Every structure is written in C-alpha cells, then in structure tokens.
Amino acid sequence: MNSKNTSRRDFLKQSGAGAIGIGLGFGMASPALARMQVGKRHLKDIGLQLLTVSAEMKKDWKATLRKVAGIGYRNIEFGDAYGGSVPEFKAFVKELGLACFAGGAALGEWKKSPDKIIDSSLELGKKWLMCYWPWEDSAENKTLDDWKRMAESLNPIGEKVRKAGLGFAYHNHDLEFKVTEGKIPYDVLLQNTDPSKVGMMIDLYWIEKGGQKPLPYFEKYPGRFPLWHAKDMDRTAERSFSCVGQGIIDFPSIFAKADLAGMKYVFVEHDKPSDGIECARVSFEYLKRLTY
C-alpha cells in the first residue's frame, strides 16, 4: 500500500472508525459475570442486513433507505455503496439517522484484497467486518484438517482488521454443523480462532438448519458471539426462511442468554422475502417487543 493510502487510512481511523479499537474483547468477560441476571431490557439500535430489501434497493435505494429508517432501524449491514458515489451514499445514510455499521466479504476476497476491503469500509464508516463464506470452492468433502487450516487463516485477517480499528467476525451457514470425522466443524472454528481477533456472527437460522442449537454454544464458548443475525425458520417441511417472529425459532429463550453469548449487535435478515420492506417491518416490531 502506498503512503497516500496509509495516510488516508490513519485519518479515517482517527476520525472515529477506530473508536472501538482494541477494546473489543470477545471472549474476555468472566462467564460468571455473563450469567448474572440483569433484568428485563429491550433491544436498542436494531440493525438490518440490506440483503433483506435487496430487490427494493436495486429499484430505488434512496426510497428504500427512507423506509428502513422510518421503520426504526439504526444500523445497516451491506457490501458496497448502492447507486451513487460513496460520499453521496454515506451522506444520505447519515441524513436519515442510519449508520453504515457492518459488511464484509468471502474468504477468497479477504485473501486477495484485505486492504481494499478495510479501506472502503473505513471510508463508509463501518465498525464491523465479516467473513461471509470460508471457502474458495463448493465446500464439498472438507476434512477436519481443512476446517482447522481455514480457521487458522482467519486469525491474521482478524489481526489486520483489528489494527485498523474495526471488529472482525465469522458468519456461519449450516455446513459448519455437518458432522465430519465425528466432530462438528463449528467447534473446530471456535477452538482454532483467537478470541481477541475473531468473533462470531452467529446466524440463528442457519445453526438450527444445521441441526444444532445456539444455547449449548453460548454455554461452551461464553462471550464469543458479539453479532447475531436474527432470521426465523418457517413451519414447512423445507424449513425455509421466515420473517422474525413468524416462524418456529424460540427467540425469547435465545435472547435470555444474550449476555452469556456476549451479544452486542443484532441484525435482521431474510434471504428471499416476498416483500422485503414488510418483512423488515414485522421483524423489527417483534424484536422491539422482545425483552431479555
């Protein structure tokens, strides 16, 4: 990276993006403290993964973001800026009272262009970055050694992201829970990633789709799950996606262990809604009523 890009990154970090800096501390809280009763609380600053309203964003991103802000969302998770330039997108989001909070890329992109991802994220003002997909192929026939090597490859990326003043987390699908050589790969991931560098964005739909439950993981790995994707599962035999609160996932029981998990931020997500805005609305209203 040339000196111009380095100076630009330093400026962006000093102007606020580095505020969360080294104090991320995944997995550092005392398990006993995490288990303390803290009373009934409501979620604040609920986020939305813009994939939920992808079709609407492609048609009219400004009108869609107005509706998202009008629902009550405060944080948004997305890839690149939609529509116009990055300054235009960032200014419009700020005008609406939204925050460009999270985003990320697949592992292949992280290996190829980590500085580019970090710099563009700093420019947008993001605070957290994810590894959304861990393989550079179809992910078939992976061994436990493959999972271990992949997990270990996340640590230097997390270190680089952290040095830039941002948080880094791994996002799961269901393949992490397919028993391989007698073990669950998600455990291999948690055991071979450094908690100070790599957090977990746990997708509450995909872990259930994979045949597991989040609560045992919260108990076994307290404090490791700072970000959550709230996505529900429908009642059909296919167990497909549903808007939050309209499916079969027991969110009250899961959120009751939010402190144990180390949860800091929640993002609503639905991969293929028939009406993205309506799904975003009913999901938000459900989560706002939820206490934990």
Protein backbone atom coordinates (compact mmCIF):
# COMPACT_ATOMS: atom_id res chain seq x y z
CA MET A 1 0.00 0.00 0.00
CA ASN A 2 1.41 3.43 -0.89
CA SER A 3 1.93 6.30 1.59
CA LYS A 4 -1.14 8.16 0.30
CA ASN A 5 -3.43 5.23 1.14
CA THR A 6 -1.73 4.78 4.50
CA SER A 7 -2.27 8.43 5.41
CA ARG A 8 -5.88 8.24 4.33
CA ARG A 9 -6.47 5.16 6.47
CA ASP A 10 -4.85 6.84 9.50
CA PHE A 11 -7.11 9.86 9.06
CA LEU A 12 -10.23 7.70 8.81
CA LYS A 13 -9.25 5.74 11.90
CA GLN A 14 -8.56 8.88 13.93
CA SER A 15 -11.85 10.46 12.84
CA GLY A 16 -13.94 7.80 14.53
CA ALA A 17 -13.73 4.44 12.83
CA GLY A 18 -11.06 3.32 15.28
CA ALA A 19 -13.14 4.21 18.31
CA ILE A 20 -14.00 0.62 19.12
CA GLY A 21 -10.34 -0.26 18.64
CA ILE A 22 -8.64 -2.74 20.91
CA GLY A 23 -11.46 -2.80 23.42
CA LEU A 24 -13.49 -5.37 21.51
CA GLY A 25 -12.60 -8.16 23.92
CA PHE A 26 -14.56 -11.13 22.54
CA GLY A 27 -14.46 -13.99 24.98
CA MET A 28 -12.71 -11.96 27.67
CA ALA A 29 -15.68 -11.45 30.02
CA SER A 30 -15.99 -13.61 33.10
CA PRO A 31 -18.51 -16.43 32.47
CA ALA A 32 -19.84 -15.88 36.00
CA LEU A 33 -20.41 -12.21 35.30
CA ALA A 34 -22.04 -13.02 31.96
CA ARG A 35 -24.54 -15.28 33.74
CA MET A 36 -25.68 -12.59 36.19
CA GLN A 37 -29.33 -11.57 35.97
CA VAL A 38 -29.60 -8.08 34.55
CA GLY A 39 -33.37 -7.67 34.45
CA LYS A 40 -35.71 -7.13 31.55
CA ARG A 41 -34.37 -4.99 28.72
CA HIS A 42 -35.36 -4.09 25.20
CA LEU A 43 -33.03 -4.16 22.23
CA LYS A 44 -31.54 -0.86 21.12
CA ASP A 45 -30.25 0.11 17.69
CA ILE A 46 -31.57 -2.94 15.86
CA GLY A 47 -29.78 -3.44 12.56
CA LEU A 48 -30.88 -4.62 9.14
CA GLN A 49 -28.90 -6.67 6.65
CA LEU A 50 -29.82 -4.94 3.41
CA LEU A 51 -30.00 -8.29 1.63
CA THR A 52 -33.49 -8.36 3.14
CA VAL A 53 -34.51 -5.43 0.93
CA SER A 54 -32.17 -6.16 -1.95
CA ALA A 55 -34.88 -6.07 -4.63
CA GLU A 56 -36.17 -2.75 -3.33
CA MET A 57 -32.66 -1.28 -3.08
CA LYS A 58 -31.99 -2.11 -6.72
CA LYS A 59 -35.13 -0.29 -7.80
CA ASP A 60 -34.73 2.84 -5.66
CA TRP A 61 -32.09 2.76 -2.95
CA LYS A 62 -32.91 6.17 -1.54
CA ALA A 63 -36.63 5.49 -1.17
CA THR A 64 -35.85 2.09 0.35
CA LEU A 65 -33.44 3.52 2.91
CA ARG A 66 -36.04 6.13 3.86
CA LYS A 67 -38.48 3.32 4.61
CA VAL A 68 -35.84 1.38 6.55
CA ALA A 69 -35.10 4.42 8.71
CA GLY A 70 -38.83 5.10 9.08
CA ILE A 71 -39.37 1.62 10.50
CA GLY A 72 -36.87 2.44 13.23
CA TYR A 73 -33.68 0.70 12.18
CA ARG A 74 -30.44 2.43 13.09
CA ASN A 75 -27.61 0.19 11.87
CA ILE A 76 -27.29 -1.28 8.38
CA GLU A 77 -25.15 -4.13 7.13
CA PHE A 78 -24.22 -4.30 3.46
CA GLY A 79 -21.43 -4.74 0.92
CA ASP A 80 -20.65 -1.81 -1.35
CA ALA A 81 -22.47 1.51 -1.61
CA TYR A 82 -25.59 1.38 -3.75
CA GLY A 83 -26.32 3.82 -6.54
CA GLY A 84 -24.12 6.89 -6.45
CA SER A 85 -20.69 7.58 -5.07
CA VAL A 86 -19.51 6.55 -1.63
CA PRO A 87 -19.67 10.15 -0.31
CA GLU A 88 -23.23 10.50 -1.64
CA PHE A 89 -24.35 7.21 -0.11
CA LYS A 90 -22.69 7.93 3.23
CA ALA A 91 -24.14 11.43 3.43
CA PHE A 92 -27.65 10.21 2.63
CA VAL A 93 -27.45 7.42 5.21
CA LYS A 94 -26.29 9.90 7.85
CA GLU A 95 -29.10 12.31 6.94
CA LEU A 96 -31.61 9.53 7.66
CA GLY A 97 -30.10 8.80 11.06
CA LEU A 98 -28.74 5.45 9.93
CA ALA A 99 -25.22 4.12 10.46
CA CYS A 100 -23.16 2.19 7.91
CA PHE A 101 -22.22 -0.31 10.56
CA ALA A 102 -21.18 -3.68 9.15
CA GLY A 103 -20.24 -5.53 6.00
CA GLY A 104 -17.69 -7.98 4.71
CA ALA A 105 -16.64 -10.41 2.03
CA ALA A 106 -15.94 -14.07 1.33
CA LEU A 107 -12.61 -15.52 2.43
CA GLY A 108 -11.27 -15.58 -1.12
CA GLU A 109 -11.75 -11.82 -1.37
CA TRP A 110 -10.19 -11.31 2.06
CA LYS A 111 -7.08 -13.22 0.99
CA LYS A 112 -6.84 -11.32 -2.28
CA SER A 113 -7.56 -7.73 -1.23
CA PRO A 114 -7.77 -7.22 2.56
CA ASP A 115 -6.52 -3.63 2.40
CA LYS A 116 -9.08 -2.70 -0.23
CA ILE A 117 -11.92 -4.12 1.89
CA ILE A 118 -10.66 -2.36 5.01
CA ASP A 119 -10.11 0.99 3.30
CA SER A 120 -13.53 1.05 1.63
CA SER A 121 -15.15 0.06 4.93
CA LEU A 122 -13.34 2.83 6.80
CA GLU A 123 -14.44 5.32 4.17
CA LEU A 124 -18.06 4.29 4.70
CA GLY A 125 -17.66 4.43 8.46
CA LYS A 126 -18.27 0.74 9.15
CA LYS A 127 -17.36 -0.70 12.53
CA TRP A 128 -17.52 -4.48 11.95
CA LEU A 129 -16.41 -6.69 9.06
CA MET A 130 -17.30 -10.31 8.40
CA CYS A 131 -16.04 -13.36 6.61
CA TYR A 132 -19.31 -14.45 4.99
CA TRP A 133 -18.13 -17.59 3.19
CA PRO A 134 -15.00 -19.52 4.18
CA TRP A 135 -14.16 -21.45 1.03
CA GLU A 136 -12.93 -20.67 -2.45
CA ASP A 137 -14.84 -23.63 -3.94
CA SER A 138 -18.12 -25.52 -3.46
CA ALA A 139 -17.09 -26.66 0.05
CA GLU A 140 -17.69 -30.33 -0.70
CA ASN A 141 -15.79 -33.12 1.06
CA LYS A 142 -13.92 -30.91 3.53
CA THR A 143 -11.90 -32.70 6.20
CA LEU A 144 -11.38 -31.57 9.77
CA ASP A 145 -7.84 -30.56 8.81
CA ASP A 146 -9.32 -28.36 6.08
CA TRP A 147 -11.57 -26.70 8.65
CA LYS A 148 -8.66 -26.21 11.04
CA ARG A 149 -6.45 -24.62 8.40
CA MET A 150 -9.30 -22.37 7.31
CA ALA A 151 -9.94 -21.31 10.92
CA GLU A 152 -6.28 -20.52 11.47
CA SER A 153 -6.23 -18.43 8.29
CA LEU A 154 -8.83 -16.14 9.85
CA ASN A 155 -6.52 -15.05 12.67
CA PRO A 156 -4.10 -12.88 10.62
CA ILE A 157 -7.05 -11.31 8.80
CA GLY A 158 -8.67 -10.53 12.14
CA GLU A 159 -5.41 -9.04 13.37
CA LYS A 160 -5.15 -6.78 10.33
CA VAL A 161 -8.77 -5.67 10.67
CA ARG A 162 -8.34 -5.03 14.37
CA LYS A 163 -5.22 -2.93 13.81
CA ALA A 164 -7.36 -0.77 11.52
CA GLY A 165 -9.71 -0.18 14.46
CA LEU A 166 -12.52 -2.45 13.31
CA GLY A 167 -14.07 -5.67 14.59
CA PHE A 168 -13.88 -8.91 12.63
CA ALA A 169 -16.27 -11.86 12.83
CA TYR A 170 -17.06 -15.13 11.10
CA HIS A 171 -20.58 -15.72 9.77
CA ASN A 172 -21.87 -19.29 9.75
CA HIS A 173 -24.21 -21.19 7.46
CA ASP A 174 -25.40 -24.75 8.05
CA LEU A 175 -22.36 -26.57 6.64
CA GLU A 176 -20.40 -25.77 9.82
CA PHE A 177 -22.68 -28.14 11.72
CA LYS A 178 -22.42 -31.19 9.45
CA VAL A 179 -20.65 -33.84 11.49
CA THR A 180 -17.24 -34.51 9.95
CA GLU A 181 -14.98 -37.30 11.18
CA GLY A 182 -17.04 -37.46 14.36
CA LYS A 183 -16.80 -33.75 15.14
CA ILE A 184 -18.72 -30.57 14.38
CA PRO A 185 -16.63 -28.13 12.30
CA TYR A 186 -18.07 -25.12 14.16
CA ASP A 187 -16.27 -26.35 17.28
CA VAL A 188 -13.06 -26.59 15.27
CA LEU A 189 -13.57 -22.98 14.20
CA LEU A 190 -14.11 -21.76 17.73
CA GLN A 191 -11.16 -23.73 19.07
CA ASN A 192 -8.71 -22.56 16.40
CA THR A 193 -9.56 -18.87 16.16
CA ASP A 194 -8.10 -16.32 18.56
CA PRO A 195 -10.99 -14.74 20.54
CA SER A 196 -9.17 -11.41 20.62
CA LYS A 197 -9.06 -11.29 16.81
CA VAL A 198 -12.05 -13.27 15.52
CA GLY A 199 -15.57 -13.00 16.90
CA MET A 200 -18.58 -14.93 15.67
CA MET A 201 -21.59 -13.54 13.88
CA ILE A 202 -23.99 -16.33 14.70
CA ASP A 203 -26.84 -16.81 12.26
CA LEU A 204 -29.71 -18.10 14.37
CA TYR A 205 -31.46 -19.65 11.38
CA TRP A 206 -28.51 -21.49 9.91
CA ILE A 207 -27.39 -23.09 13.15
CA GLU A 208 -30.88 -24.58 13.58
CA LYS A 209 -30.96 -25.58 9.90
CA GLY A 210 -27.72 -27.43 10.57
CA GLY A 211 -29.35 -29.42 13.35
CA GLN A 212 -27.83 -27.64 16.33
CA LYS A 213 -28.98 -25.07 18.91
CA PRO A 214 -27.28 -21.82 19.93
CA LEU A 215 -27.65 -22.15 23.71
CA PRO A 216 -25.15 -25.02 24.17
CA TYR A 217 -22.63 -22.98 22.20
CA PHE A 218 -23.21 -19.93 24.39
CA GLU A 219 -22.57 -22.13 27.43
CA LYS A 220 -19.46 -23.74 25.97
CA TYR A 221 -17.94 -20.59 24.45
CA PRO A 222 -19.21 -17.62 26.52
CA GLY A 223 -18.59 -14.18 25.12
CA ARG A 224 -17.65 -15.37 21.63
CA PHE A 225 -20.79 -14.20 19.78
CA PRO A 226 -20.87 -10.39 19.60
CA LEU A 227 -23.07 -10.19 16.49
CA TRP A 228 -26.26 -12.04 15.65
CA HIS A 229 -28.33 -12.49 12.52
CA ALA A 230 -31.97 -12.75 13.58
CA LYS A 231 -33.65 -14.84 10.93
CA ASP A 232 -36.59 -17.17 11.50
CA MET A 233 -37.46 -20.62 10.16
CA ASP A 234 -40.85 -21.38 8.65
CA ARG A 235 -43.12 -24.28 9.61
CA THR A 236 -42.90 -26.17 6.31
CA ALA A 237 -41.07 -29.44 5.76
CA GLU A 238 -38.36 -27.50 3.90
CA ARG A 239 -37.73 -25.32 7.00
CA SER A 240 -37.08 -22.31 4.79
CA PHE A 241 -36.69 -18.66 5.77
CA SER A 242 -39.32 -16.69 7.66
CA CYS A 243 -39.60 -13.15 8.96
CA VAL A 244 -38.57 -12.83 12.59
CA GLY A 245 -41.34 -13.84 14.99
CA GLN A 246 -43.38 -15.64 12.32
CA GLY A 247 -41.57 -18.97 12.44
CA ILE A 248 -40.54 -21.67 14.88
CA ILE A 249 -37.26 -20.39 16.36
CA ASP A 250 -37.55 -19.72 20.11
CA PHE A 251 -36.09 -16.21 20.18
CA PRO A 252 -37.11 -15.41 23.81
CA SER A 253 -35.08 -18.35 25.13
CA ILE A 254 -32.11 -17.44 22.94
CA PHE A 255 -32.12 -13.75 23.87
CA ALA A 256 -32.37 -14.67 27.55
CA LYS A 257 -28.74 -15.80 27.18
CA ALA A 258 -27.58 -12.74 25.23
CA ASP A 259 -25.18 -11.63 27.96
CA LEU A 260 -23.67 -15.08 28.27
CA ALA A 261 -23.15 -15.11 24.49
CA GLY A 262 -21.53 -11.68 24.52
CA MET A 263 -24.14 -10.29 22.14
CA LYS A 264 -23.60 -6.63 21.24
CA TYR A 265 -25.48 -6.11 17.97
CA VAL A 266 -28.41 -7.78 16.22
CA PHE A 267 -29.23 -7.59 12.51
CA VAL A 268 -32.50 -8.75 10.97
CA GLU A 269 -32.01 -10.79 7.82
CA HIS A 270 -34.16 -12.67 5.34
CA ASP A 271 -32.55 -14.04 2.18
CA LYS A 272 -35.61 -14.22 -0.08
CA PRO A 273 -38.64 -12.33 1.25
CA SER A 274 -41.66 -11.80 -0.98
CA ASP A 275 -41.88 -8.24 0.36
CA GLY A 276 -38.61 -7.05 1.88
CA ILE A 277 -39.93 -3.86 3.47
CA GLU A 278 -42.88 -5.63 5.09
CA CYS A 279 -40.61 -8.40 6.37
CA ALA A 280 -38.21 -5.81 7.76
CA ARG A 281 -41.14 -4.06 9.47
CA VAL A 282 -42.71 -7.09 11.16
CA SER A 283 -39.28 -8.39 12.19
CA PHE A 284 -38.38 -5.05 13.76
CA GLU A 285 -41.69 -4.80 15.61
CA TYR A 286 -41.24 -8.30 17.03
CA LEU A 287 -37.70 -7.60 18.26
CA LYS A 288 -38.72 -4.26 19.78
CA ARG A 289 -41.33 -6.05 21.90
CA LEU A 290 -38.87 -8.73 22.97
CA THR A 291 -37.32 -8.43 26.42
CA TYR A 292 -34.20 -10.19 27.61
